[in-house]
Amino acid sequence: MTRLVKSCLPVVLADLLSILPATAAGTGATLPSALSPLSMFLQADLPVKIVMAGLALASVVAWTVLIAKKIEIARAARTLSRGLAALAGASGLAEAQRTLRSRDRISAALIEAARDEALRGARADKEGVKERMSLRFGRIEAAAAREIARGVSLLATIGATAPFVGLFGTVWGIMNSFIGISKAQTTNLAVVAPGIAEALLATAIGLVAAIPAVIFYNYLVRQVAGYRAVLGDTVATISVIAGRELDHIPALHRAAE
């Protein structure tokens, strides 16, 4: 992923600069070359350049996370759904395990935990065995949910911070513009405009990075919620199969009443 981000950074920065307006608003007149987005980036101060490059990197990361997590979640949900469909006709844990044939790692782990607790508690109270199964199922389910959601929160971070990072670049650029005005001792628009335009460019790139990141985050959160729903159905199905099997195992020793 790091190699992909580094290779895409120059391209994304050029794209971000190219989509910004290159004509004067409302007049249709072409801006001077000094006020084109690419020229403004090249002529900006080092801190502003760092801000713009960082925002471009954040945009690359956001797109990378979207593509990677979309593929991961879709594949995991599809595998889990197939495993859930295969479990529908299983009458016991052994049959369920044979049906899956290690195609679904999460379901296989749940079945293995259920069989382990059933064997360990063959002479124990069935309610205690079911409770321990439920605890182990909960841990497996929580671990799977954490794994599938890993990286999604990065999009929220980008969406929340990118506008403020861009605003920092804007403030820095405007400060330099005021310094330039004081040195030139003039308020001529030709002197003021380039510095202010460079400053506003940082905010524009920040918004271009932040808005898609927020959209991607909300989309992936819904995808994760859908996966967790299928995961919950799988846990419930295996719990039913395990409970049905436990009901057929005679308890030789029961807890004292």
Protein backbone atom coordinates (compact mmCIF):
# COMPACT_ATOMS: atom_id res chain seq x y z
CA MET A 1 0.00 0.00 0.00
CA THR A 2 2.90 2.40 0.81
CA ARG A 3 4.46 1.84 -2.62
CA LEU A 4 1.11 2.53 -4.28
CA VAL A 5 0.68 5.76 -2.33
CA LYS A 6 4.16 7.02 -3.25
CA SER A 7 3.70 6.21 -6.94
CA CYS A 8 0.29 7.89 -7.13
CA LEU A 9 1.17 11.08 -5.21
CA PRO A 10 2.53 13.14 -8.16
CA VAL A 11 -0.37 12.12 -10.40
CA VAL A 12 -3.00 12.95 -7.78
CA LEU A 13 -1.40 16.31 -6.99
CA ALA A 14 -1.47 17.19 -10.69
CA ASP A 15 -5.11 16.08 -10.91
CA LEU A 16 -6.07 18.14 -7.88
CA LEU A 17 -4.45 21.19 -9.40
CA SER A 18 -5.98 20.58 -12.83
CA ILE A 19 -9.59 20.42 -11.60
CA LEU A 20 -9.35 23.80 -9.93
CA PRO A 21 -10.70 26.69 -12.02
CA ALA A 22 -8.30 28.13 -14.56
CA THR A 23 -10.50 31.02 -15.69
CA ALA A 24 -11.65 34.15 -13.96
CA ALA A 25 -15.01 33.66 -12.29
CA GLY A 26 -17.91 35.09 -14.23
CA THR A 27 -15.79 36.75 -16.96
CA GLY A 28 -14.54 33.85 -19.05
CA ALA A 29 -11.15 35.58 -19.27
CA THR A 30 -8.09 33.36 -19.04
CA LEU A 31 -6.00 33.91 -15.93
CA PRO A 32 -2.37 34.92 -16.26
CA SER A 33 0.04 32.00 -16.24
CA ALA A 34 1.29 33.12 -12.83
CA LEU A 35 -2.20 32.49 -11.43
CA SER A 36 -2.69 29.02 -12.89
CA PRO A 37 -3.02 26.32 -10.19
CA LEU A 38 0.25 24.62 -11.12
CA SER A 39 2.16 27.90 -11.19
CA MET A 40 0.70 28.92 -7.84
CA PHE A 41 1.85 25.62 -6.33
CA LEU A 42 5.36 25.99 -7.73
CA GLN A 43 5.64 29.61 -6.56
CA ALA A 44 4.21 28.99 -3.09
CA ASP A 45 6.36 29.10 0.04
CA LEU A 46 7.80 25.85 1.36
CA PRO A 47 5.28 25.48 4.23
CA VAL A 48 2.37 25.94 1.80
CA LYS A 49 3.91 23.42 -0.60
CA ILE A 50 4.25 20.94 2.25
CA VAL A 51 0.60 21.47 3.16
CA MET A 52 -0.53 20.93 -0.43
CA ALA A 53 1.63 17.83 -0.86
CA GLY A 54 0.37 16.43 2.44
CA LEU A 55 -3.22 16.96 1.39
CA ALA A 56 -2.52 15.26 -1.94
CA LEU A 57 -1.03 12.34 -0.02
CA ALA A 58 -4.13 12.23 2.18
CA SER A 59 -6.29 12.07 -0.94
CA VAL A 60 -4.23 9.15 -2.27
CA VAL A 61 -4.58 7.36 1.07
CA ALA A 62 -8.35 7.90 1.08
CA TRP A 63 -8.76 6.39 -2.38
CA THR A 64 -6.42 3.52 -1.50
CA VAL A 65 -8.35 2.71 1.67
CA LEU A 66 -11.64 2.82 -0.22
CA ILE A 67 -10.49 0.39 -2.92
CA ALA A 68 -8.69 -1.97 -0.54
CA LYS A 69 -11.46 -2.11 2.07
CA LYS A 70 -14.21 -2.42 -0.54
CA ILE A 71 -12.51 -5.50 -1.99
CA GLU A 72 -11.77 -6.94 1.46
CA ILE A 73 -15.29 -6.43 2.85
CA ALA A 74 -16.99 -7.72 -0.30
CA ARG A 75 -14.84 -10.85 -0.33
CA ALA A 76 -15.31 -11.51 3.39
CA ALA A 77 -19.09 -10.97 3.23
CA ARG A 78 -19.40 -13.25 0.21
CA THR A 79 -17.42 -16.01 1.93
CA LEU A 80 -19.43 -15.64 5.12
CA SER A 81 -22.74 -15.71 3.24
CA ARG A 82 -21.75 -18.90 1.43
CA GLY A 83 -20.76 -20.49 4.72
CA LEU A 84 -24.06 -19.43 6.28
CA ALA A 85 -25.98 -21.00 3.41
CA ALA A 86 -24.00 -24.22 3.81
CA LEU A 87 -24.76 -24.34 7.54
CA ALA A 88 -28.51 -24.14 6.99
CA GLY A 89 -28.90 -27.89 6.47
CA ALA A 90 -26.38 -29.10 9.05
CA SER A 91 -27.80 -31.18 11.89
CA GLY A 92 -24.67 -31.20 14.06
CA LEU A 93 -21.28 -29.61 14.53
CA ALA A 94 -19.40 -32.44 12.84
CA GLU A 95 -21.62 -32.24 9.77
CA ALA A 96 -21.28 -28.46 9.71
CA GLN A 97 -17.51 -28.75 9.84
CA ARG A 98 -17.47 -31.25 6.97
CA THR A 99 -19.80 -29.03 4.95
CA LEU A 100 -17.60 -25.97 5.26
CA ARG A 101 -14.33 -27.76 4.45
CA SER A 102 -12.30 -24.78 5.67
CA ARG A 103 -13.85 -22.47 3.07
CA ASP A 104 -14.97 -20.00 5.73
CA ARG A 105 -12.31 -19.20 8.32
CA ILE A 106 -14.65 -17.41 10.73
CA SER A 107 -17.35 -20.10 10.67
CA ALA A 108 -14.69 -22.79 11.02
CA ALA A 109 -13.29 -21.05 14.11
CA LEU A 110 -16.78 -20.80 15.62
CA ILE A 111 -17.50 -24.48 15.00
CA GLU A 112 -14.12 -25.49 16.38
CA ALA A 113 -14.78 -23.48 19.55
CA ALA A 114 -18.23 -25.08 19.91
CA ARG A 115 -16.88 -28.61 19.48
CA ASP A 116 -14.06 -27.94 21.92
CA GLU A 117 -16.45 -26.72 24.61
CA ALA A 118 -18.85 -29.60 23.92
CA LEU A 119 -16.06 -32.15 24.41
CA ARG A 120 -14.69 -30.45 27.52
CA GLY A 121 -18.13 -30.15 29.07
CA ALA A 122 -19.46 -33.59 28.18
CA ARG A 123 -19.90 -34.37 31.88
CA ALA A 124 -20.84 -30.86 32.96
CA ASP A 125 -24.07 -28.96 33.14
CA LYS A 126 -25.33 -28.09 29.67
CA GLU A 127 -26.24 -24.54 30.58
CA GLY A 128 -22.68 -23.88 31.70
CA VAL A 129 -21.35 -25.30 28.45
CA LYS A 130 -23.69 -23.08 26.44
CA GLU A 131 -22.61 -20.04 28.42
CA ARG A 132 -18.93 -20.75 27.77
CA MET A 133 -19.68 -21.29 24.09
CA SER A 134 -21.44 -17.94 23.98
CA LEU A 135 -18.44 -16.22 25.55
CA ARG A 136 -16.04 -17.75 23.04
CA PHE A 137 -18.38 -16.90 20.17
CA GLY A 138 -18.48 -13.31 21.36
CA ARG A 139 -14.69 -13.06 21.36
CA ILE A 140 -14.41 -14.52 17.86
CA GLU A 141 -17.15 -12.24 16.56
CA ALA A 142 -15.56 -9.15 18.12
CA ALA A 143 -12.14 -10.03 16.68
CA ALA A 144 -13.62 -10.50 13.19
CA ALA A 145 -15.48 -7.18 13.44
CA ARG A 146 -12.32 -5.34 14.51
CA GLU A 147 -10.33 -6.89 11.69
CA ILE A 148 -12.83 -5.95 8.98
CA ALA A 149 -13.13 -2.36 10.27
CA ARG A 150 -9.39 -1.77 10.52
CA GLY A 151 -8.34 1.28 8.51
CA VAL A 152 -11.83 2.71 8.01
CA SER A 153 -11.40 5.25 10.79
CA LEU A 154 -8.47 6.73 8.88
CA LEU A 155 -10.99 8.15 6.41
CA ALA A 156 -12.80 9.94 9.22
CA THR A 157 -9.50 11.41 10.38
CA ILE A 158 -8.71 12.69 6.89
CA GLY A 159 -12.19 14.10 6.46
CA ALA A 160 -12.03 15.91 9.80
CA THR A 161 -8.50 17.31 9.58
CA ALA A 162 -7.87 18.03 5.88
CA PRO A 163 -9.94 21.26 5.79
CA PHE A 164 -8.08 22.61 8.82
CA VAL A 165 -4.71 21.67 7.36
CA GLY A 166 -5.71 23.51 4.20
CA LEU A 167 -6.83 26.45 6.33
CA PHE A 168 -3.39 26.53 7.95
CA GLY A 169 -1.85 26.83 4.49
CA THR A 170 -4.30 29.61 3.69
CA VAL A 171 -3.46 31.55 6.85
CA TRP A 172 0.25 31.18 6.19
CA GLY A 173 -0.15 32.36 2.61
CA ILE A 174 -2.24 35.39 3.56
CA MET A 175 0.32 36.36 6.20
CA ASN A 176 3.01 36.30 3.53
CA SER A 177 0.75 38.35 1.26
CA PHE A 178 0.42 41.04 3.92
CA ILE A 179 4.17 41.03 4.39
CA GLY A 180 4.59 41.46 0.63
CA ILE A 181 2.10 44.34 0.64
CA SER A 182 4.00 46.09 3.42
CA LYS A 183 7.30 45.68 1.60
CA ALA A 184 5.89 46.86 -1.74
CA GLN A 185 3.97 49.67 0.00
CA THR A 186 1.06 49.23 -2.38
CA THR A 187 -2.34 47.58 -2.42
CA ASN A 188 -2.34 47.07 -6.17
CA LEU A 189 -4.32 43.95 -7.07
CA ALA A 190 -1.48 42.71 -9.26
CA VAL A 191 0.71 42.55 -6.15
CA VAL A 192 -1.91 41.18 -3.75
CA ALA A 193 -3.70 38.64 -5.94
CA PRO A 194 -0.96 36.00 -6.44
CA GLY A 195 -0.29 35.54 -2.73
CA ILE A 196 -3.97 35.38 -1.80
CA ALA A 197 -4.65 32.97 -4.65
CA GLU A 198 -1.86 30.67 -3.45
CA ALA A 199 -3.32 30.80 0.04
CA LEU A 200 -6.83 29.93 -1.10
CA LEU A 201 -5.49 27.09 -3.24
CA ALA A 202 -4.43 25.27 -0.07
CA THR A 203 -7.98 25.42 1.30
CA ALA A 204 -9.39 24.23 -2.03
CA ILE A 205 -7.09 21.19 -2.07
CA GLY A 206 -8.02 20.49 1.55
CA LEU A 207 -11.70 20.38 0.63
CA VAL A 208 -10.99 18.21 -2.40
CA ALA A 209 -9.24 15.73 -0.09
CA ALA A 210 -11.76 15.92 2.77
CA ILE A 211 -15.11 15.66 0.98
CA PRO A 212 -14.44 12.31 -0.75
CA ALA A 213 -12.91 10.94 2.46
CA VAL A 214 -16.11 11.65 4.40
CA ILE A 215 -18.22 10.08 1.66
CA PHE A 216 -15.96 7.02 1.55
CA TYR A 217 -16.09 6.69 5.34
CA ASN A 218 -19.88 6.70 5.47
CA TYR A 219 -20.04 4.19 2.63
CA LEU A 220 -17.56 1.78 4.25
CA VAL A 221 -19.30 2.08 7.62
CA ARG A 222 -22.49 0.84 5.97
CA GLN A 223 -20.56 -1.99 4.32
CA VAL A 224 -19.03 -3.01 7.66
CA ALA A 225 -22.48 -2.93 9.28
CA GLY A 226 -23.78 -5.27 6.58
CA TYR A 227 -20.88 -7.64 7.17
CA ARG A 228 -21.47 -7.61 10.91
CA ALA A 229 -25.13 -8.46 10.34
CA VAL A 230 -24.15 -11.56 8.33
CA LEU A 231 -21.57 -12.39 11.00
CA GLY A 232 -24.24 -12.18 13.69
CA ASP A 233 -26.50 -14.51 11.69
CA THR A 234 -23.63 -16.99 11.37
CA VAL A 235 -22.97 -16.93 15.12
CA ALA A 236 -26.66 -17.44 15.84
CA THR A 237 -26.89 -20.36 13.39
CA ILE A 238 -23.88 -22.14 14.87
CA SER A 239 -25.21 -21.50 18.38
CA VAL A 240 -28.47 -23.21 17.41
CA ILE A 241 -26.62 -26.18 15.91
CA ALA A 242 -24.41 -26.49 19.00
CA GLY A 243 -27.38 -26.20 21.36
CA ARG A 244 -29.26 -28.86 19.44
CA GLU A 245 -26.28 -31.20 19.68
CA LEU A 246 -25.83 -30.55 23.39
CA ASP A 247 -29.45 -31.49 24.01
CA HIS A 248 -28.68 -34.99 22.70
CA ILE A 249 -25.63 -35.49 24.92
CA PRO A 250 -26.56 -37.12 28.24
CA ALA A 251 -25.18 -35.24 31.21
CA LEU A 252 -23.60 -37.80 33.52
CA HIS A 253 -22.88 -35.29 36.19
CA ARG A 254 -25.05 -32.28 36.84
CA ALA A 255 -24.42 -29.38 39.13
CA ALA A 256 -25.84 -29.71 42.59
CA GLU A 257 -29.14 -27.93 42.93
